[in-house]
Amino acid sequence: MTQEYLTEEKEIDSAIKQIASDVSLYGLDAERVKQIWFSALLQQIADNELEDQQAH
């Protein structure tokens, strides 16, 4: 793994922890929010890949 990848992974992990902390203040289940967040992230990645394929 490259240093850039590790840094990005740490930033994502930090963002997830912050989001989980924030949502717990509003009474939401942090684990469920994490699942939703990952689902949205994967969808965005898939959409980006599709756009890249269509552009070529």
N, C-alpha and C. Protein backbone atom coordinates (compact mmCIF):
# COMPACT_ATOMS: atom_id res chain seq x y z
N MET A 1 0.82 -1.18 0.00
CA MET A 1 0.00 0.00 0.00
C MET A 1 0.87 1.25 0.00
N THR A 2 0.41 2.22 -0.71
CA THR A 2 1.16 3.47 -0.76
C THR A 2 0.83 4.35 0.44
N GLN A 3 1.72 5.28 0.71
CA GLN A 3 1.49 6.20 1.82
C GLN A 3 0.23 7.03 1.58
N GLU A 4 0.01 7.41 0.33
CA GLU A 4 -1.18 8.20 -0.01
C GLU A 4 -2.45 7.42 0.31
N TYR A 5 -2.45 6.13 -0.03
CA TYR A 5 -3.61 5.29 0.24
C TYR A 5 -3.86 5.19 1.74
N LEU A 6 -2.79 4.97 2.52
CA LEU A 6 -2.93 4.86 3.97
C LEU A 6 -3.45 6.15 4.58
N THR A 7 -2.97 7.28 4.10
CA THR A 7 -3.44 8.57 4.60
C THR A 7 -4.92 8.75 4.28
N GLU A 8 -5.31 8.41 3.06
CA GLU A 8 -6.71 8.54 2.66
C GLU A 8 -7.59 7.62 3.50
N GLU A 9 -7.11 6.41 3.76
CA GLU A 9 -7.87 5.46 4.57
C GLU A 9 -8.06 6.00 5.99
N LYS A 10 -7.02 6.60 6.55
CA LYS A 10 -7.11 7.18 7.89
C LYS A 10 -8.09 8.35 7.91
N GLU A 11 -8.08 9.16 6.86
CA GLU A 11 -8.99 10.29 6.78
C GLU A 11 -10.44 9.82 6.70
N ILE A 12 -10.67 8.78 5.92
CA ILE A 12 -12.02 8.22 5.80
C ILE A 12 -12.47 7.66 7.14
N ASP A 13 -11.59 6.93 7.81
CA ASP A 13 -11.91 6.36 9.11
C ASP A 13 -12.23 7.47 10.11
N SER A 14 -11.44 8.52 10.09
CA SER A 14 -11.67 9.65 10.98
C SER A 14 -13.02 10.31 10.69
N ALA A 15 -13.34 10.47 9.41
CA ALA A 15 -14.62 11.07 9.02
C ALA A 15 -15.78 10.21 9.48
N ILE A 16 -15.65 8.90 9.34
CA ILE A 16 -16.71 7.99 9.78
C ILE A 16 -16.92 8.10 11.28
N LYS A 17 -15.82 8.13 12.02
CA LYS A 17 -15.93 8.25 13.48
C LYS A 17 -16.60 9.56 13.86
N GLN A 18 -16.27 10.64 13.17
CA GLN A 18 -16.87 11.94 13.46
C GLN A 18 -18.36 11.92 13.14
N ILE A 19 -18.71 11.35 12.00
CA ILE A 19 -20.13 11.26 11.62
C ILE A 19 -20.89 10.43 12.65
N ALA A 20 -20.30 9.29 13.05
CA ALA A 20 -20.95 8.43 14.04
C ALA A 20 -21.15 9.18 15.35
N SER A 21 -20.16 9.94 15.74
CA SER A 21 -20.25 10.73 16.97
C SER A 21 -21.36 11.77 16.85
N ASP A 22 -21.39 12.45 15.71
CA ASP A 22 -22.41 13.49 15.49
C ASP A 22 -23.82 12.91 15.50
N VAL A 23 -24.01 11.80 14.80
CA VAL A 23 -25.37 11.25 14.71
C VAL A 23 -25.83 10.68 16.04
N SER A 24 -24.89 10.20 16.84
CA SER A 24 -25.31 9.67 18.14
C SER A 24 -25.90 10.78 19.01
N LEU A 25 -25.45 12.01 18.77
CA LEU A 25 -26.03 13.14 19.50
C LEU A 25 -27.50 13.34 19.16
N TYR A 26 -27.88 12.89 17.97
CA TYR A 26 -29.27 13.04 17.53
C TYR A 26 -30.08 11.77 17.73
N GLY A 27 -29.49 10.80 18.44
CA GLY A 27 -30.23 9.58 18.76
C GLY A 27 -30.26 8.55 17.65
N LEU A 28 -29.43 8.71 16.64
CA LEU A 28 -29.39 7.74 15.56
C LEU A 28 -28.39 6.65 15.88
N ASP A 29 -28.59 5.46 15.33
CA ASP A 29 -27.69 4.35 15.54
C ASP A 29 -26.45 4.52 14.67
N ALA A 30 -25.31 4.68 15.31
CA ALA A 30 -24.07 4.96 14.59
C ALA A 30 -23.72 3.85 13.60
N GLU A 31 -23.94 2.61 13.97
CA GLU A 31 -23.61 1.49 13.08
C GLU A 31 -24.47 1.55 11.82
N ARG A 32 -25.73 1.88 11.97
CA ARG A 32 -26.64 1.98 10.81
C ARG A 32 -26.21 3.14 9.91
N VAL A 33 -25.83 4.25 10.52
CA VAL A 33 -25.38 5.39 9.74
C VAL A 33 -24.11 5.02 8.96
N LYS A 34 -23.21 4.27 9.59
CA LYS A 34 -21.99 3.84 8.92
C LYS A 34 -22.34 2.97 7.71
N GLN A 35 -23.31 2.08 7.86
CA GLN A 35 -23.74 1.23 6.74
C GLN A 35 -24.29 2.08 5.60
N ILE A 36 -25.11 3.06 5.94
CA ILE A 36 -25.68 3.95 4.93
C ILE A 36 -24.58 4.73 4.24
N TRP A 37 -23.62 5.23 5.03
CA TRP A 37 -22.52 6.02 4.48
C TRP A 37 -21.69 5.19 3.51
N PHE A 38 -21.36 3.95 3.91
CA PHE A 38 -20.58 3.08 3.03
C PHE A 38 -21.36 2.75 1.77
N SER A 39 -22.64 2.52 1.90
CA SER A 39 -23.47 2.23 0.75
C SER A 39 -23.46 3.40 -0.23
N ALA A 40 -23.60 4.60 0.29
CA ALA A 40 -23.57 5.79 -0.55
C ALA A 40 -22.20 5.97 -1.20
N LEU A 41 -21.14 5.70 -0.44
CA LEU A 41 -19.79 5.80 -0.98
C LEU A 41 -19.57 4.81 -2.12
N LEU A 42 -19.99 3.58 -1.92
CA LEU A 42 -19.85 2.56 -2.97
C LEU A 42 -20.66 2.93 -4.21
N GLN A 43 -21.85 3.48 -3.99
CA GLN A 43 -22.68 3.91 -5.12
C GLN A 43 -21.99 5.02 -5.90
N GLN A 44 -21.37 5.96 -5.19
CA GLN A 44 -20.67 7.06 -5.85
C GLN A 44 -19.48 6.53 -6.65
N ILE A 45 -18.75 5.59 -6.09
CA ILE A 45 -17.63 4.99 -6.81
C ILE A 45 -18.12 4.29 -8.07
N ALA A 46 -19.20 3.54 -7.94
CA ALA A 46 -19.76 2.84 -9.10
C ALA A 46 -20.23 3.84 -10.16
N ASP A 47 -20.88 4.90 -9.73
CA ASP A 47 -21.33 5.93 -10.68
C ASP A 47 -20.14 6.56 -11.40
N ASN A 48 -19.07 6.84 -10.65
CA ASN A 48 -17.87 7.43 -11.26
C ASN A 48 -17.25 6.49 -12.28
N GLU A 49 -17.19 5.21 -11.96
CA GLU A 49 -16.64 4.22 -12.89
C GLU A 49 -17.48 4.16 -14.17
N LEU A 50 -18.79 4.18 -14.00
CA LEU A 50 -19.69 4.14 -15.15
C LEU A 50 -19.49 5.37 -16.04
N GLU A 51 -19.39 6.53 -15.41
CA GLU A 51 -19.17 7.76 -16.17
C GLU A 51 -17.84 7.70 -16.92
N ASP A 52 -16.80 7.17 -16.26
CA ASP A 52 -15.50 7.04 -16.91
C ASP A 52 -15.56 6.13 -18.12
N GLN A 53 -16.29 5.02 -17.97
CA GLN A 53 -16.43 4.06 -19.08
C GLN A 53 -17.19 4.70 -20.24
N GLN A 54 -18.22 5.45 -19.93
CA GLN A 54 -19.04 6.06 -20.97
C GLN A 54 -18.28 7.19 -21.66
N ALA A 55 -17.36 7.81 -20.94
CA ALA A 55 -16.57 8.90 -21.53
C ALA A 55 -15.55 8.38 -22.55
N HIS A 56 -15.18 7.14 -22.40
CA HIS A 56 -14.19 6.57 -23.32
C HIS A 56 -14.91 5.80 -24.35
